[in-house]
C-alpha atoms as a PDB file:
ATOM      1  CA  MET A   1      29.364  42.785  -3.474  1.00  0.00           C
ATOM      2  CA  ALA A   2      28.018  44.420  -6.638  1.00  0.00           C
ATOM      3  CA  ALA A   3      24.403  45.448  -6.788  1.00  0.00           C
ATOM      4  CA  PRO A   4      22.223  42.929  -8.619  1.00  0.00           C
ATOM      5  CA  ARG A   5      21.143  43.877 -12.102  1.00  0.00           C
ATOM      6  CA  LEU A   6      17.575  44.581 -13.131  1.00  0.00           C
ATOM      7  CA  GLY A   7      15.772  41.744 -14.907  1.00  0.00           C
ATOM      8  CA  ARG A   8      12.327  41.466 -16.458  1.00  0.00           C
ATOM      9  CA  LEU A   9       9.214  39.538 -15.540  1.00  0.00           C
ATOM     10  CA  PRO A  10       8.830  37.341 -18.612  1.00  0.00           C
ATOM     11  CA  ASN A  11       5.164  36.380 -18.758  1.00  0.00           C
ATOM     12  CA  ARG A  12       1.590  37.067 -17.674  1.00  0.00           C
ATOM     13  CA  ARG A  13       1.625  34.300 -15.067  1.00  0.00           C
ATOM     14  CA  ASP A  14       4.368  36.162 -13.176  1.00  0.00           C
ATOM     15  CA  PHE A  15       2.443  39.450 -13.350  1.00  0.00           C
ATOM     16  CA  LEU A  16      -0.669  37.751 -11.954  1.00  0.00           C
ATOM     17  CA  ARG A  17       1.341  36.119  -9.157  1.00  0.00           C
ATOM     18  CA  VAL A  18       2.851  39.469  -8.135  1.00  0.00           C
ATOM     19  CA  GLN A  19      -0.569  41.145  -8.415  1.00  0.00           C
ATOM     20  CA  ALA A  20      -1.844  38.757  -5.738  1.00  0.00           C
ATOM     21  CA  GLY A  21       0.968  39.852  -3.391  1.00  0.00           C
ATOM     22  CA  ARG A  22       1.380  43.009  -1.326  1.00  0.00           C
ATOM     23  CA  ARG A  23       0.930  46.474  -2.816  1.00  0.00           C
ATOM     24  CA  CYS A  24       1.568  50.094  -1.969  1.00  0.00           C
ATOM     25  CA  ALA A  25      -0.152  52.939  -3.809  1.00  0.00           C
ATOM     26  CA  MET A  26       1.802  56.154  -4.368  1.00  0.00           C
ATOM     27  CA  PRO A  27       0.742  59.220  -6.396  1.00  0.00           C
ATOM     28  CA  GLY A  28       2.717  58.221  -9.516  1.00  0.00           C
ATOM     29  CA  PHE A  29       2.450  54.431  -9.409  1.00  0.00           C
ATOM     30  CA  VAL A  30       1.389  51.348  -7.502  1.00  0.00           C
ATOM     31  CA  LEU A  31       4.223  49.045  -6.414  1.00  0.00           C
ATOM     32  CA  GLN A  32       3.342  45.359  -6.115  1.00  0.00           C
ATOM     33  CA  VAL A  33       5.716  42.768  -4.622  1.00  0.00           C
ATOM     34  CA  ALA A  34       5.666  39.007  -4.189  1.00  0.00           C
ATOM     35  CA  PRO A  35       8.273  36.415  -3.214  1.00  0.00           C
ATOM     36  CA  LEU A  36      10.155  34.639  -5.969  1.00  0.00           C
ATOM     37  CA  PRO A  37       8.427  31.409  -7.003  1.00  0.00           C
ATOM     38  CA  ALA A  38       9.959  28.088  -6.046  1.00  0.00           C
ATOM     39  CA  ASP A  39       9.883  27.199  -9.744  1.00  0.00           C
ATOM     40  CA  PRO A  40      13.011  25.492 -11.106  1.00  0.00           C
ATOM     41  CA  ARG A  41      12.467  27.246 -14.455  1.00  0.00           C
ATOM     42  CA  VAL A  42      13.164  30.628 -12.838  1.00  0.00           C
ATOM     43  CA  PRO A  43      16.793  31.492 -13.568  1.00  0.00           C
ATOM     44  CA  SER A  44      19.039  31.722 -10.528  1.00  0.00           C
ATOM     45  CA  ALA A  45      20.969  34.655 -12.009  1.00  0.00           C
ATOM     46  CA  PRO A  46      21.491  37.566  -9.625  1.00  0.00           C
ATOM     47  CA  ALA A  47      18.796  39.697 -11.252  1.00  0.00           C
ATOM     48  CA  ILE A  48      15.939  41.460  -9.518  1.00  0.00           C
ATOM     49  CA  ARG A  49      12.914  40.922 -11.743  1.00  0.00           C
ATOM     50  CA  VAL A  50      10.706  43.940 -12.385  1.00  0.00           C
ATOM     51  CA  GLY A  51       7.619  44.310 -14.562  1.00  0.00           C
ATOM     52  CA  PHE A  52       5.979  47.506 -15.782  1.00  0.00           C
ATOM     53  CA  THR A  53       2.408  48.068 -16.863  1.00  0.00           C
ATOM     54  CA  VAL A  54       0.331  51.129 -17.672  1.00  0.00           C
ATOM     55  CA  SER A  55      -3.414  50.989 -18.267  1.00  0.00           C
ATOM     56  CA  ARG A  56      -5.145  52.609 -21.228  1.00  0.00           C
ATOM     57  CA  LYS A  57      -6.931  54.804 -18.685  1.00  0.00           C
ATOM     58  CA  VAL A  58      -3.646  56.740 -18.325  1.00  0.00           C
ATOM     59  CA  GLY A  59      -3.681  57.950 -21.914  1.00  0.00           C
ATOM     60  CA  ASN A  60      -2.825  57.120 -25.489  1.00  0.00           C
ATOM     61  CA  ALA A  61       0.134  54.929 -26.497  1.00  0.00           C
ATOM     62  CA  VAL A  62       2.606  57.821 -26.511  1.00  0.00           C
ATOM     63  CA  THR A  63       1.623  58.835 -22.971  1.00  0.00           C
ATOM     64  CA  ARG A  64       1.659  55.255 -21.681  1.00  0.00           C
ATOM     65  CA  ASN A  65       5.107  54.647 -23.153  1.00  0.00           C
ATOM     66  CA  ARG A  66       6.422  57.846 -21.589  1.00  0.00           C
ATOM     67  CA  VAL A  67       5.116  56.786 -18.177  1.00  0.00           C
ATOM     68  CA  ARG A  68       6.643  53.322 -18.658  1.00  0.00           C
ATOM     69  CA  ARG A  69      10.033  54.822 -19.604  1.00  0.00           C
ATOM     70  CA  ARG A  70      10.001  57.110 -16.554  1.00  0.00           C
ATOM     71  CA  LEU A  71       9.133  54.225 -14.231  1.00  0.00           C
ATOM     72  CA  ARG A  72      11.753  51.991 -15.836  1.00  0.00           C
ATOM     73  CA  GLU A  73      14.457  54.599 -15.298  1.00  0.00           C
ATOM     74  CA  ALA A  74      13.404  55.254 -11.688  1.00  0.00           C
ATOM     75  CA  ALA A  75      13.471  51.499 -11.029  1.00  0.00           C
ATOM     76  CA  ARG A  76      16.876  51.196 -12.705  1.00  0.00           C
ATOM     77  CA  GLN A  77      18.275  53.853 -10.379  1.00  0.00           C
ATOM     78  CA  VAL A  78      16.651  52.710  -7.120  1.00  0.00           C
ATOM     79  CA  ILE A  79      15.877  48.986  -7.109  1.00  0.00           C
ATOM     80  CA  PRO A  80      19.274  47.345  -7.797  1.00  0.00           C
ATOM     81  CA  GLY A  81      20.972  49.119  -4.916  1.00  0.00           C
ATOM     82  CA  GLU A  82      18.174  49.230  -2.351  1.00  0.00           C
ATOM     83  CA  ALA A  83      15.599  46.457  -2.922  1.00  0.00           C
ATOM     84  CA  ARG A  84      15.598  42.873  -1.721  1.00  0.00           C
ATOM     85  CA  ALA A  85      16.662  40.351  -4.349  1.00  0.00           C
ATOM     86  CA  ASP A  86      14.279  37.637  -3.119  1.00  0.00           C
ATOM     87  CA  LEU A  87      11.179  39.470  -4.380  1.00  0.00           C
ATOM     88  CA  ASP A  88       9.604  40.178  -7.754  1.00  0.00           C
ATOM     89  CA  TYR A  89       8.287  43.700  -8.390  1.00  0.00           C
ATOM     90  CA  VAL A  90       5.631  45.215 -10.649  1.00  0.00           C
ATOM     91  CA  LEU A  91       5.209  48.965 -11.123  1.00  0.00           C
ATOM     92  CA  VAL A  92       1.755  49.990 -12.334  1.00  0.00           C
ATOM     93  CA  GLY A  93       1.839  53.485 -13.808  1.00  0.00           C
ATOM     94  CA  ARG A  94      -0.747  56.087 -12.835  1.00  0.00           C
ATOM     95  CA  GLN A  95      -1.916  59.308 -14.457  1.00  0.00           C
ATOM     96  CA  ALA A  96       0.082  61.454 -12.001  1.00  0.00           C
ATOM     97  CA  ALA A  97       3.385  59.943 -13.204  1.00  0.00           C
ATOM     98  CA  ILE A  98       3.210  61.990 -16.415  1.00  0.00           C
ATOM     99  CA  GLY A  99       3.907  65.390 -14.912  1.00  0.00           C
ATOM    100  CA  ARG A 100       5.527  64.258 -11.656  1.00  0.00           C
ATOM    101  CA  ASP A 101       9.036  65.457 -10.906  1.00  0.00           C
ATOM    102  CA  PHE A 102      11.489  62.611 -11.499  1.00  0.00           C
ATOM    103  CA  ALA A 103      13.155  63.086  -8.099  1.00  0.00           C
ATOM    104  CA  ASP A 104       9.711  62.676  -6.516  1.00  0.00           C
ATOM    105  CA  LEU A 105       9.188  59.401  -8.426  1.00  0.00           C
ATOM    106  CA  ARG A 106      12.477  58.037  -7.077  1.00  0.00           C
ATOM    107  CA  ARG A 107      11.673  59.207  -3.549  1.00  0.00           C
ATOM    108  CA  GLU A 108       8.210  57.610  -3.755  1.00  0.00           C
ATOM    109  CA  LEU A 109       9.742  54.349  -4.976  1.00  0.00           C
ATOM    110  CA  ARG A 110      12.082  54.257  -1.978  1.00  0.00           C
ATOM    111  CA  GLU A 111       9.165  55.026   0.348  1.00  0.00           C
ATOM    112  CA  ALA A 112       7.026  52.282  -1.221  1.00  0.00           C
ATOM    113  CA  LEU A 113       9.872  49.787  -0.808  1.00  0.00           C
ATOM    114  CA  ARG A 114      10.196  50.823   2.846  1.00  0.00           C
ATOM    115  CA  ARG A 115       6.442  50.466   3.475  1.00  0.00           C
ATOM    116  CA  LEU A 116       6.401  46.993   1.899  1.00  0.00           C
ATOM    117  CA  LYS A 117       9.484  45.965   3.906  1.00  0.00           C
ATOM    118  CA  ALA A 118      11.260  45.301   0.630  1.00  0.00           C
ATOM    119  CA  LEU A 119      14.370  47.336   1.374  1.00  0.00           C
ATOM    120  CA  ASP A 120      17.591  45.352   1.475  1.00  0.00           C
ATOM    121  CA  VAL A 121      18.875  45.302   5.055  1.00  0.00           C
ATOM    122  CA  ALA A 122      22.469  45.570   3.794  1.00  0.00           C
ATOM    123  CA  THR A 123      21.692  48.988   2.263  1.00  0.00           C
ATOM    124  CA  PRO A 124      23.205  51.756   4.422  1.00  0.00           C
END
């Protein structure tokens, strides 16, 4: 079976729902997870929905966008192959993500998924 593709969380209501779920803080980001809603408007496409947010405390717009791009790429590489498809995810960028080694970001994302019990059991 092919790995599910990465989708987006479409609106604020979804971000707030995931924010109320479980979270794991890592040096470069905070990973938040919540089960998919039982809402019939949620598409049943095989996409894992991920949202990204970076506070203004992290820096100016250029810095925030760089952090968001780094998190998006780490999620693109890790989440489709290793995360459970029945959860929504939000990555909240932190100041340390700016200068963090990219391999460390990926490793931290895997560790956060493991701590939140969000790893797909079919992943070897």
